[in-house]
Full PDB file with SEQRES, HELIX, SHEET, SSBOND, CRYST1, ORIGX, SCALE, CONECT and MASTER records, all heavy atoms in Angstrom:
SEQRES   1 A   40  GLY GLY GLY THR LYS MET ILE PRO VAL SER ARG PRO ARG          
SEQRES   2 A   40  ILE ALA SER ASP GLY LYS ARG ALA TYR TYR ILE PHE ARG          
SEQRES   3 A   40  ASP SER GLU ARG CYS SER ARG VAL SER VAL ALA PHE THR          
SEQRES   4 A   40  GLU                                                          
HELIX    1 AA1 SER A   28  ARG A   30  5                                   3    
SHEET    1 AA1 3 ARG A  13  SER A  16  0                                        
SHEET    2 AA1 3 ALA A  21  PHE A  25 -1                                        
SHEET    3 AA1 3 SER A  35  THR A  39 -1                                        
CRYST1    1.000    1.000    1.000  90.00  90.00  90.00 P 1           1          
ORIGX1      1.000000  0.000000  0.000000        0.00000                         
ORIGX2      0.000000  1.000000  0.000000        0.00000                         
ORIGX3      0.000000  0.000000  1.000000        0.00000                         
SCALE1      1.000000  0.000000  0.000000        0.00000                         
SCALE2      0.000000  1.000000  0.000000        0.00000                         
SCALE3      0.000000  0.000000  1.000000        0.00000                         
ATOM      1  N   GLY A   1     -58.894  26.704-150.189  1.00  0.00           N  
ATOM      2  CA  GLY A   1     -59.977  25.861-150.147  1.00  0.00           C  
ATOM      3  C   GLY A   1     -60.758  25.838-151.516  1.00  0.00           C  
ATOM      4  O   GLY A   1     -60.243  26.459-152.481  1.00  0.00           O  
ATOM      5  N   GLY A   2     -61.766  25.035-151.574  1.00  0.00           N  
ATOM      6  CA  GLY A   2     -62.570  24.943-152.851  1.00  0.00           C  
ATOM      7  C   GLY A   2     -63.995  25.424-152.750  1.00  0.00           C  
ATOM      8  O   GLY A   2     -64.369  25.932-151.648  1.00  0.00           O  
ATOM      9  N   GLY A   3     -64.686  25.411-153.829  1.00  0.00           N  
ATOM     10  CA  GLY A   3     -66.057  25.863-153.854  1.00  0.00           C  
ATOM     11  C   GLY A   3     -66.144  27.369-153.865  1.00  0.00           C  
ATOM     12  O   GLY A   3     -65.083  28.065-153.955  1.00  0.00           O  
ATOM     13  N   THR A   4     -67.368  27.909-153.921  1.00  0.00           N  
ATOM     14  CA  THR A   4     -67.516  29.379-153.943  1.00  0.00           C  
ATOM     15  C   THR A   4     -67.109  29.920-152.529  1.00  0.00           C  
ATOM     16  O   THR A   4     -67.557  29.486-151.491  1.00  0.00           O  
ATOM     17  CB  THR A   4     -69.036  29.703-154.195  1.00  0.00           C  
ATOM     18  OG1 THR A   4     -69.392  29.143-155.455  1.00  0.00           O  
ATOM     19  CG2 THR A   4     -69.214  31.233-154.241  1.00  0.00           C  
ATOM     20  N   LYS A   5     -66.214  30.914-152.644  1.00  0.00           N  
ATOM     21  CA  LYS A   5     -65.698  31.537-151.450  1.00  0.00           C  
ATOM     22  C   LYS A   5     -66.420  32.851-151.103  1.00  0.00           C  
ATOM     23  O   LYS A   5     -66.955  33.536-151.883  1.00  0.00           O  
ATOM     24  CB  LYS A   5     -64.254  31.858-151.607  1.00  0.00           C  
ATOM     25  CG  LYS A   5     -63.413  30.776-152.198  1.00  0.00           C  
ATOM     26  CD  LYS A   5     -63.371  29.478-151.335  1.00  0.00           C  
ATOM     27  CE  LYS A   5     -62.735  29.770-149.908  1.00  0.00           C  
ATOM     28  NZ  LYS A   5     -62.824  28.568-149.066  1.00  0.00           N  
ATOM     29  N   MET A   6     -66.576  33.041-149.758  1.00  0.00           N  
ATOM     30  CA  MET A   6     -66.994  34.362-149.258  1.00  0.00           C  
ATOM     31  C   MET A   6     -65.838  35.236-148.937  1.00  0.00           C  
ATOM     32  O   MET A   6     -65.205  34.980-147.918  1.00  0.00           O  
ATOM     33  CB  MET A   6     -67.968  34.182-148.088  1.00  0.00           C  
ATOM     34  CG  MET A   6     -68.608  35.480-147.473  1.00  0.00           C  
ATOM     35  SD  MET A   6     -69.287  36.491-148.794  1.00  0.00           S  
ATOM     36  CE  MET A   6     -69.132  38.182-148.204  1.00  0.00           C  
ATOM     37  N   ILE A   7     -65.539  36.021-149.836  1.00  0.00           N  
ATOM     38  CA  ILE A   7     -64.363  36.925-149.743  1.00  0.00           C  
ATOM     39  C   ILE A   7     -64.746  38.301-149.383  1.00  0.00           C  
ATOM     40  O   ILE A   7     -65.662  38.851-149.830  1.00  0.00           O  
ATOM     41  CB  ILE A   7     -63.571  36.784-151.153  1.00  0.00           C  
ATOM     42  CG1 ILE A   7     -63.403  35.328-151.568  1.00  0.00           C  
ATOM     43  CG2 ILE A   7     -62.207  37.533-151.018  1.00  0.00           C  
ATOM     44  CD1 ILE A   7     -62.793  35.171-152.970  1.00  0.00           C  
ATOM     45  N   PRO A   8     -63.893  39.015-148.588  1.00  0.00           N  
ATOM     46  CA  PRO A   8     -64.242  40.346-148.216  1.00  0.00           C  
ATOM     47  C   PRO A   8     -64.146  41.383-149.295  1.00  0.00           C  
ATOM     48  O   PRO A   8     -64.517  42.536-149.100  1.00  0.00           O  
ATOM     49  CB  PRO A   8     -63.213  40.689-147.132  1.00  0.00           C  
ATOM     50  CG  PRO A   8     -62.105  39.732-147.286  1.00  0.00           C  
ATOM     51  CD  PRO A   8     -62.670  38.470-147.902  1.00  0.00           C  
ATOM     52  N   VAL A   9     -63.656  40.960-150.514  1.00  0.00           N  
ATOM     53  CA  VAL A   9     -63.733  41.910-151.718  1.00  0.00           C  
ATOM     54  C   VAL A   9     -64.345  41.102-152.829  1.00  0.00           C  
ATOM     55  O   VAL A   9     -64.313  39.848-152.838  1.00  0.00           O  
ATOM     56  CB  VAL A   9     -62.273  42.382-152.094  1.00  0.00           C  
ATOM     57  CG1 VAL A   9     -61.647  43.120-150.983  1.00  0.00           C  
ATOM     58  CG2 VAL A   9     -61.420  41.230-152.501  1.00  0.00           C  
ATOM     59  N   SER A  10     -64.796  41.833-153.795  1.00  0.00           N  
ATOM     60  CA  SER A  10     -65.236  41.185-154.995  1.00  0.00           C  
ATOM     61  C   SER A  10     -64.200  41.190-155.983  1.00  0.00           C  
ATOM     62  O   SER A  10     -63.213  41.862-155.892  1.00  0.00           O  
ATOM     63  CB  SER A  10     -66.448  42.003-155.724  1.00  0.00           C  
ATOM     64  OG  SER A  10     -65.931  43.146-156.281  1.00  0.00           O  
ATOM     65  N   ARG A  11     -64.340  40.220-157.027  1.00  0.00           N  
ATOM     66  CA  ARG A  11     -63.503  40.436-158.184  1.00  0.00           C  
ATOM     67  C   ARG A  11     -63.877  41.686-158.957  1.00  0.00           C  
ATOM     68  O   ARG A  11     -65.049  42.022-158.992  1.00  0.00           O  
ATOM     69  CB  ARG A  11     -63.635  39.147-159.048  1.00  0.00           C  
ATOM     70  CG  ARG A  11     -62.953  37.933-158.467  1.00  0.00           C  
ATOM     71  CD  ARG A  11     -63.425  36.653-159.163  1.00  0.00           C  
ATOM     72  NE  ARG A  11     -64.677  36.172-158.629  1.00  0.00           N  
ATOM     73  CZ  ARG A  11     -65.132  34.914-158.737  1.00  0.00           C  
ATOM     74  NH1 ARG A  11     -64.345  33.974-159.292  1.00  0.00           N  
ATOM     75  NH2 ARG A  11     -66.284  34.582-158.213  1.00  0.00           N  
ATOM     76  N   PRO A  12     -62.890  42.286-159.592  1.00  0.00           N  
ATOM     77  CA  PRO A  12     -63.184  43.546-160.258  1.00  0.00           C  
ATOM     78  C   PRO A  12     -63.674  43.459-161.644  1.00  0.00           C  
ATOM     79  O   PRO A  12     -63.322  42.409-162.361  1.00  0.00           O  
ATOM     80  CB  PRO A  12     -61.938  44.288-160.151  1.00  0.00           C  
ATOM     81  CG  PRO A  12     -60.924  43.250-160.295  1.00  0.00           C  
ATOM     82  CD  PRO A  12     -61.452  42.066-159.540  1.00  0.00           C  
ATOM     83  N   ARG A  13     -64.388  44.461-162.195  1.00  0.00           N  
ATOM     84  CA  ARG A  13     -64.716  44.573-163.606  1.00  0.00           C  
ATOM     85  C   ARG A  13     -64.201  45.894-164.037  1.00  0.00           C  
ATOM     86  O   ARG A  13     -64.342  46.894-163.363  1.00  0.00           O  
ATOM     87  CB  ARG A  13     -66.170  44.467-163.877  1.00  0.00           C  
ATOM     88  CG  ARG A  13     -66.879  43.105-163.435  1.00  0.00           C  
ATOM     89  CD  ARG A  13     -66.572  41.999-164.418  1.00  0.00           C  
ATOM     90  NE  ARG A  13     -67.378  42.198-165.685  1.00  0.00           N  
ATOM     91  CZ  ARG A  13     -67.424  41.212-166.603  1.00  0.00           C  
ATOM     92  NH1 ARG A  13     -66.830  40.096-166.510  1.00  0.00           N  
ATOM     93  NH2 ARG A  13     -68.160  41.517-167.654  1.00  0.00           N  
ATOM     94  N   ILE A  14     -63.650  45.965-165.378  1.00  0.00           N  
ATOM     95  CA  ILE A  14     -63.189  47.160-165.917  1.00  0.00           C  
ATOM     96  C   ILE A  14     -63.932  47.501-167.124  1.00  0.00           C  
ATOM     97  O   ILE A  14     -64.168  46.663-167.976  1.00  0.00           O  
ATOM     98  CB  ILE A  14     -61.695  47.129-166.102  1.00  0.00           C  
ATOM     99  CG1 ILE A  14     -61.111  48.430-166.564  1.00  0.00           C  
ATOM    100  CG2 ILE A  14     -61.284  46.096-167.109  1.00  0.00           C  
ATOM    101  CD1 ILE A  14     -59.579  48.601-166.496  1.00  0.00           C  
ATOM    102  N   ALA A  15     -64.315  48.757-167.213  1.00  0.00           N  
ATOM    103  CA  ALA A  15     -64.886  49.328-168.493  1.00  0.00           C  
ATOM    104  C   ALA A  15     -64.094  50.540-168.928  1.00  0.00           C  
ATOM    105  O   ALA A  15     -63.717  51.458-168.087  1.00  0.00           O  
ATOM    106  CB  ALA A  15     -66.394  49.813-168.191  1.00  0.00           C  
ATOM    107  N   SER A  16     -63.690  50.558-170.171  1.00  0.00           N  
ATOM    108  CA  SER A  16     -62.916  51.678-170.698  1.00  0.00           C  
ATOM    109  C   SER A  16     -63.194  51.964-172.121  1.00  0.00           C  
ATOM    110  O   SER A  16     -63.579  51.034-172.866  1.00  0.00           O  
ATOM    111  CB  SER A  16     -61.421  51.324-170.458  1.00  0.00           C  
ATOM    112  OG  SER A  16     -60.650  52.320-170.992  1.00  0.00           O  
ATOM    113  N   ASP A  17     -62.951  53.191-172.519  1.00  0.00           N  
ATOM    114  CA  ASP A  17     -63.052  53.562-173.887  1.00  0.00           C  
ATOM    115  C   ASP A  17     -61.639  53.809-174.474  1.00  0.00           C  
ATOM    116  O   ASP A  17     -61.382  54.335-175.601  1.00  0.00           O  
ATOM    117  CB  ASP A  17     -63.896  54.815-174.121  1.00  0.00           C  
ATOM    118  CG  ASP A  17     -63.371  56.045-173.324  1.00  0.00           C  
ATOM    119  OD1 ASP A  17     -62.289  55.873-172.772  1.00  0.00           O  
ATOM    120  OD2 ASP A  17     -64.042  57.046-173.324  1.00  0.00           O  
ATOM    121  N   GLY A  18     -60.593  53.320-173.701  1.00  0.00           N  
ATOM    122  CA  GLY A  18     -59.254  53.488-174.165  1.00  0.00           C  
ATOM    123  C   GLY A  18     -58.566  54.677-173.459  1.00  0.00           C  
ATOM    124  O   GLY A  18     -57.392  54.654-173.395  1.00  0.00           O  
ATOM    125  N   LYS A  19     -59.345  55.581-172.838  1.00  0.00           N  
ATOM    126  CA  LYS A  19     -58.720  56.640-172.153  1.00  0.00           C  
ATOM    127  C   LYS A  19     -59.299  56.625-170.735  1.00  0.00           C  
ATOM    128  O   LYS A  19     -58.583  56.260-169.692  1.00  0.00           O  
ATOM    129  CB  LYS A  19     -59.034  58.000-172.743  1.00  0.00           C  
ATOM    130  CG  LYS A  19     -58.327  58.107-174.165  1.00  0.00           C  
ATOM    131  CD  LYS A  19     -58.500  59.488-174.819  1.00  0.00           C  
ATOM    132  CE  LYS A  19     -57.800  59.610-176.166  1.00  0.00           C  
ATOM    133  NZ  LYS A  19     -58.069  60.906-176.792  1.00  0.00           N  
ATOM    134  N   ARG A  20     -60.492  57.131-170.550  1.00  0.00           N  
ATOM    135  CA  ARG A  20     -61.067  57.039-169.248  1.00  0.00           C  
ATOM    136  C   ARG A  20     -61.479  55.576-168.861  1.00  0.00           C  
ATOM    137  O   ARG A  20     -61.692  54.737-169.760  1.00  0.00           O  
ATOM    138  CB  ARG A  20     -62.360  57.828-169.207  1.00  0.00           C  
ATOM    139  CG  ARG A  20     -63.453  57.400-170.115  1.00  0.00           C  
ATOM    140  CD  ARG A  20     -64.782  58.198-169.995  1.00  0.00           C  
ATOM    141  NE  ARG A  20     -65.642  57.744-171.011  1.00  0.00           N  
ATOM    142  CZ  ARG A  20     -66.943  57.759-170.828  1.00  0.00           C  
ATOM    143  NH1 ARG A  20     -67.507  58.153-169.758  1.00  0.00           N  
ATOM    144  NH2 ARG A  20     -67.735  57.377-171.854  1.00  0.00           N  
ATOM    145  N   ALA A  21     -61.524  55.234-167.650  1.00  0.00           N  
ATOM    146  CA  ALA A  21     -61.780  53.855-167.205  1.00  0.00           C  
ATOM    147  C   ALA A  21     -62.585  53.843-165.899  1.00  0.00           C  
ATOM    148  O   ALA A  21     -62.373  54.700-165.091  1.00  0.00           O  
ATOM    149  CB  ALA A  21     -60.541  53.045-167.118  1.00  0.00           C  
ATOM    150  N   TYR A  22     -63.457  52.937-165.774  1.00  0.00           N  
ATOM    151  CA  TYR A  22     -64.146  52.683-164.494  1.00  0.00           C  
ATOM    152  C   TYR A  22     -63.757  51.186-163.993  1.00  0.00           C  
ATOM    153  O   TYR A  22     -63.887  50.321-164.813  1.00  0.00           O  
ATOM    154  CB  TYR A  22     -65.712  52.640-164.679  1.00  0.00           C  
ATOM    155  CG  TYR A  22     -66.240  54.007-165.138  1.00  0.00           C  
ATOM    156  CD1 TYR A  22     -66.471  54.277-166.484  1.00  0.00           C  
ATOM    157  CD2 TYR A  22     -66.558  54.935-164.238  1.00  0.00           C  
ATOM    158  CE1 TYR A  22     -66.902  55.531-166.961  1.00  0.00           C  
ATOM    159  CE2 TYR A  22     -67.088  56.260-164.630  1.00  0.00           C  
ATOM    160  CZ  TYR A  22     -67.284  56.406-165.942  1.00  0.00           C  
ATOM    161  OH  TYR A  22     -67.798  57.658-166.370  1.00  0.00           O  
ATOM    162  N   TYR A  23     -63.369  51.141-162.783  1.00  0.00           N  
ATOM    163  CA  TYR A  23     -62.874  49.870-162.230  1.00  0.00           C  
ATOM    164  C   TYR A  23     -63.868  49.640-161.107  1.00  0.00           C  
ATOM    165  O   TYR A  23     -63.917  50.298-160.068  1.00  0.00           O  
ATOM    166  CB  TYR A  23     -61.415  50.045-161.672  1.00  0.00           C  
ATOM    167  CG  TYR A  23     -60.680  48.886-161.277  1.00  0.00           C  
ATOM    168  CD1 TYR A  23     -59.673  48.487-162.113  1.00  0.00           C  
ATOM    169  CD2 TYR A  23     -60.918  48.302-160.060  1.00  0.00           C  
ATOM    170  CE1 TYR A  23     -58.860  47.324-161.726  1.00  0.00           C  
ATOM    171  CE2 TYR A  23     -60.102  47.162-159.667  1.00  0.00           C  
ATOM    172  CZ  TYR A  23     -59.155  46.713-160.514  1.00  0.00           C  
ATOM    173  OH  TYR A  23     -58.267  45.676-160.072  1.00  0.00           O  
ATOM    174  N   ILE A  24     -64.801  48.638-161.291  1.00  0.00           N  
ATOM    175  CA  ILE A  24     -65.891  48.383-160.415  1.00  0.00           C  
ATOM    176  C   ILE A  24     -65.697  47.329-159.463  1.00  0.00           C  
ATOM    177  O   ILE A  24     -65.197  46.202-159.881  1.00  0.00           O  
ATOM    178  CB  ILE A  24     -67.160  48.136-161.256  1.00  0.00           C  
ATOM    179  CG1 ILE A  24     -67.261  49.116-162.414  1.00  0.00           C  
ATOM    180  CG2 ILE A  24     -68.451  48.224-160.479  1.00  0.00           C  
ATOM    181  CD1 ILE A  24     -68.190  48.658-163.588  1.00  0.00           C  
ATOM    182  N   PHE A  25     -65.949  47.449-158.225  1.00  0.00           N  
ATOM    183  CA  PHE A  25     -65.704  46.438-157.225  1.00  0.00           C  
ATOM    184  C   PHE A  25     -66.575  46.607-155.955  1.00  0.00           C  
ATOM    185  O   PHE A  25     -67.299  47.516-155.827  1.00  0.00           O  
ATOM    186  CB  PHE A  25     -64.198  46.503-156.814  1.00  0.00           C  
ATOM    187  CG  PHE A  25     -63.813  47.821-156.139  1.00  0.00           C  
ATOM    188  CD1 PHE A  25     -63.634  47.888-154.770  1.00  0.00           C  
ATOM    189  CD2 PHE A  25     -63.550  48.936-156.991  1.00  0.00           C  
ATOM    190  CE1 PHE A  25     -63.300  49.087-154.234  1.00  0.00           C  
ATOM    191  CE2 PHE A  25     -63.185  50.096-156.348  1.00  0.00           C  
ATOM    192  CZ  PHE A  25     -62.999  50.198-154.967  1.00  0.00           C  
ATOM    193  N   ARG A  26     -66.347  45.729-154.977  1.00  0.00           N  
ATOM    194  CA  ARG A  26     -66.960  45.745-153.688  1.00  0.00           C  
ATOM    195  C   ARG A  26     -65.926  45.349-152.622  1.00  0.00           C  
ATOM    196  O   ARG A  26     -65.215  44.340-152.828  1.00  0.00           O  
ATOM    197  CB  ARG A  26     -68.134  44.805-153.634  1.00  0.00           C  
ATOM    198  CG  ARG A  26     -68.872  44.690-152.259  1.00  0.00           C  
ATOM    199  CD  ARG A  26     -68.459  43.444-151.503  1.00  0.00           C  
ATOM    200  NE  ARG A  26     -68.576  42.282-152.328  1.00  0.00           N  
ATOM    201  CZ  ARG A  26     -67.982  41.112-152.004  1.00  0.00           C  
ATOM    202  NH1 ARG A  26     -67.205  40.988-150.936  1.00  0.00           N  
ATOM    203  NH2 ARG A  26     -68.139  40.111-152.729  1.00  0.00           N  
ATOM    204  N   ASP A  27     -65.748  46.144-151.605  1.00  0.00           N  
ATOM    205  CA  ASP A  27     -64.721  45.867-150.624  1.00  0.00           C  
ATOM    206  C   ASP A  27     -65.305  46.117-149.228  1.00  0.00           C  
ATOM    207  O   ASP A  27     -65.949  47.136-148.930  1.00  0.00           O  
ATOM    208  CB  ASP A  27     -63.522  46.832-150.887  1.00  0.00           C  
ATOM    209  CG  ASP A  27     -62.330  46.484-150.082  1.00  0.00           C  
ATOM    210  OD1 ASP A  27     -62.427  45.782-149.006  1.00  0.00           O  
ATOM    211  OD2 ASP A  27     -61.185  46.960-150.457  1.00  0.00           O  
ATOM    212  N   SER A  28     -65.041  45.206-148.261  1.00  0.00           N  
ATOM    213  CA  SER A  28     -65.441  45.374-146.915  1.00  0.00           C  
ATOM    214  C   SER A  28     -64.951  46.619-146.223  1.00  0.00           C  
ATOM    215  O   SER A  28     -65.494  47.190-145.323  1.00  0.00           O  
ATOM    216  CB  SER A  28     -65.085  44.111-146.057  1.00  0.00           C  
ATOM    217  OG  SER A  28     -63.660  43.916-146.004  1.00  0.00           O  
ATOM    218  N   GLU A  29     -63.727  47.087-146.711  1.00  0.00           N  
ATOM    219  CA  GLU A  29     -63.254  48.320-146.294  1.00  0.00           C  
ATOM    220  C   GLU A  29     -64.072  49.556-146.510  1.00  0.00           C  
ATOM    221  O   GLU A  29     -63.952  50.569-145.852  1.00  0.00           O  
ATOM    222  CB  GLU A  29     -61.802  48.598-146.815  1.00  0.00           C  
ATOM    223  CG  GLU A  29     -60.746  47.601-146.292  1.00  0.00           C  
ATOM    224  CD  GLU A  29     -59.360  47.957-146.699  1.00  0.00           C  
ATOM    225  OE1 GLU A  29     -59.212  48.921-147.609  1.00  0.00           O  
ATOM    226  OE2 GLU A  29     -58.349  47.373-146.144  1.00  0.00           O  
ATOM    227  N   ARG A  30     -64.949  49.410-147.575  1.00  0.00           N  
ATOM    228  CA  ARG A  30     -65.892  50.435-147.963  1.00  0.00           C  
ATOM    229  C   ARG A  30     -67.234  49.984-147.594  1.00  0.00           C  
ATOM    230  O   ARG A  30     -68.221  50.424-148.294  1.00  0.00           O  
ATOM    231  CB  ARG A  30     -65.720  50.806-149.387  1.00  0.00           C  
ATOM    232  CG  ARG A  30     -64.216  51.225-149.789  1.00  0.00           C  
ATOM    233  CD  ARG A  30     -64.222  51.814-151.199  1.00  0.00           C  
ATOM    234  NE  ARG A  30     -64.866  53.008-151.282  1.00  0.00           N  
ATOM    235  CZ  ARG A  30     -64.315  54.235-151.041  1.00  0.00           C  
ATOM    236  NH1 ARG A  30     -62.981  54.254-150.777  1.00  0.00           N  
ATOM    237  NH2 ARG A  30     -64.944  55.330-151.203  1.00  0.00           N  
ATOM    238  N   CYS A  31     -67.385  49.210-146.481  1.00  0.00           N  
ATOM    239  CA  CYS A  31     -68.615  48.690-146.051  1.00  0.00           C  
ATOM    240  C   CYS A  31     -69.473  47.884-147.110  1.00  0.00           C  
ATOM    241  O   CYS A  31     -70.687  47.833-147.126  1.00  0.00           O  
ATOM    242  CB  CYS A  31     -69.585  49.924-145.587  1.00  0.00           C  
ATOM    243  SG  CYS A  31     -68.855  50.851-144.280  1.00  0.00           S  
ATOM    244  N   SER A  32     -68.730  47.231-148.044  1.00  0.00           N  
ATOM    245  CA  SER A  32     -69.259  46.332-148.948  1.00  0.00           C  
ATOM    246  C   SER A  32     -70.295  47.015-149.890  1.00  0.00           C  
ATOM    247  O   SER A  32     -71.310  46.389-150.244  1.00  0.00           O  
ATOM    248  CB  SER A  32     -69.824  45.061-148.351  1.00  0.00           C  
ATOM    249  OG  SER A  32     -68.763  44.373-147.710  1.00  0.00           O  
ATOM    250  N   ARG A  33     -70.033  48.213-150.239  1.00  0.00           N  
ATOM    251  CA  ARG A  33     -70.975  48.913-151.147  1.00  0.00           C  
ATOM    252  C   ARG A  33     -70.509  48.710-152.549  1.00  0.00           C  
ATOM    253  O   ARG A  33     -69.500  48.204-152.832  1.00  0.00           O  
ATOM    254  CB  ARG A  33     -70.905  50.445-150.832  1.00  0.00           C  
ATOM    255  CG  ARG A  33     -71.470  50.790-149.488  1.00  0.00           C  
ATOM    256  CD  ARG A  33     -71.119  52.189-149.088  1.00  0.00           C  
ATOM    257  NE  ARG A  33     -71.782  52.502-147.771  1.00  0.00           N  
ATOM    258  CZ  ARG A  33     -71.347  53.492-146.961  1.00  0.00           C  
ATOM    259  NH1 ARG A  33     -70.341  54.323-147.386  1.00  0.00           N  
ATOM    260  NH2 ARG A  33     -71.989  53.850-145.828  1.00  0.00           N  
ATOM    261  N   VAL A  34     -71.386  49.157-153.516  1.00  0.00           N  
ATOM    262  CA  VAL A  34     -70.925  49.156-154.915  1.00  0.00           C  
ATOM    263  C   VAL A  34     -70.044  50.319-155.170  1.00  0.00           C  
ATOM    264  O   VAL A  34     -70.427  51.491-154.909  1.00  0.00           O  
ATOM    265  CB  VAL A  34     -72.194  49.223-155.824  1.00  0.00           C  
ATOM    266  CG1 VAL A  34     -71.711  49.361-157.272  1.00  0.00           C  
ATOM    267  CG2 VAL A  34     -73.116  48.144-155.686  1.00  0.00           C  
ATOM    268  N   SER A  35     -68.779  50.005-155.449  1.00  0.00           N  
ATOM    269  CA  SER A  35     -67.747  51.128-155.555  1.00  0.00           C  
ATOM    270  C   SER A  35     -67.114  51.114-156.873  1.00  0.00           C  
ATOM    271  O   SER A  35     -67.146  50.172-157.643  1.00  0.00           O  
ATOM    272  CB  SER A  35     -66.614  50.870-154.521  1.00  0.00           C  
ATOM    273  OG  SER A  35     -67.103  50.921-153.128  1.00  0.00           O  
ATOM    274  N   VAL A  36     -66.631  52.313-157.276  1.00  0.00           N  
ATOM    275  CA  VAL A  36     -66.031  52.475-158.589  1.00  0.00           C  
ATOM    276  C   VAL A  36     -64.770  53.347-158.449  1.00  0.00           C  
ATOM    277  O   VAL A  36     -64.820  54.403-157.802  1.00  0.00           O  
ATOM    278  CB  VAL A  36     -67.005  52.978-159.676  1.00  0.00           C  
ATOM    279  CG1 VAL A  36     -67.528  54.398-159.234  1.00  0.00           C  
ATOM    280  CG2 VAL A  36     -66.342  53.106-161.064  1.00  0.00           C  
ATOM    281  N   ALA A  37     -63.665  52.939-159.020  1.00  0.00           N  
ATOM    282  CA  ALA A  37     -62.521  53.803-159.180  1.00  0.00           C  
ATOM    283  C   ALA A  37     -62.531  54.316-160.543  1.00  0.00           C  
ATOM    284  O   ALA A  37     -62.835  53.578-161.476  1.00  0.00           O  
ATOM    285  CB  ALA A  37     -61.246  52.976-158.907  1.00  0.00           C  
ATOM    286  N   PHE A  38     -62.156  55.597-160.705  1.00  0.00           N  
ATOM    287  CA  PHE A  38     -62.163  56.228-162.027  1.00  0.00           C  
ATOM    288  C   PHE A  38     -60.851  56.920-162.404  1.00  0.00           C  
ATOM    289  O   PHE A  38     -60.166  57.440-161.491  1.00  0.00           O  
ATOM    290  CB  PHE A  38     -63.329  57.319-161.968  1.00  0.00           C  
ATOM    291  CG  PHE A  38     -63.270  58.192-163.231  1.00  0.00           C  
ATOM    292  CD1 PHE A  38     -63.870  57.624-164.381  1.00  0.00           C  
ATOM    293  CD2 PHE A  38     -62.811  59.471-163.225  1.00  0.00           C  
ATOM    294  CE1 PHE A  38     -63.926  58.460-165.549  1.00  0.00           C  
ATOM    295  CE2 PHE A  38     -62.830  60.300-164.413  1.00  0.00           C  
ATOM    296  CZ  PHE A  38     -63.366  59.706-165.538  1.00  0.00           C  
ATOM    297  N   THR A  39     -60.398  56.784-163.542  1.00  0.00           N  
ATOM    298  CA  THR A  39     -59.318  57.542-164.022  1.00  0.00           C  
ATOM    299  C   THR A  39     -59.594  58.058-165.399  1.00  0.00           C  
ATOM    300  O   THR A  39     -60.324  57.581-166.197  1.00  0.00           O  
ATOM    301  CB  THR A  39     -58.068  56.615-164.141  1.00  0.00           C  
ATOM    302  OG1 THR A  39     -56.918  57.455-164.598  1.00  0.00           O  
ATOM    303  CG2 THR A  39     -58.284  55.411-165.197  1.00  0.00           C  
ATOM    304  N   GLU A  40     -59.094  59.363-165.571  1.00  0.00           N  
ATOM    305  CA  GLU A  40     -59.294  59.963-166.906  1.00  0.00           C  
ATOM    306  C   GLU A  40     -58.312  59.620-167.931  1.00  0.00           C  
ATOM    307  O   GLU A  40     -58.428  59.915-169.125  1.00  0.00           O  
ATOM    308  CB  GLU A  40     -59.245  61.551-166.731  1.00  0.00           C  
ATOM    309  CG  GLU A  40     -60.355  61.997-165.859  1.00  0.00           C  
ATOM    310  CD  GLU A  40     -60.245  63.526-165.530  1.00  0.00           C  
ATOM    311  OE1 GLU A  40     -59.105  64.033-165.711  1.00  0.00           O  
ATOM    312  OE2 GLU A  40     -61.243  64.113-165.098  1.00  0.00           O  
TER     313      GLU A  40                                                      
MASTER        0    0    0    1    3    0    0    6  312    1    0    4          
END                                                                             
């Protein structure tokens, strides 16, 4: 469909310094909280 969708996940944003990274998102599987995945 069209228009703004109500989706059970957010689109992600990534922040990185080239090594470590934060992958920021929201997912109904995690009760729609502000969540972050981290890698070194």
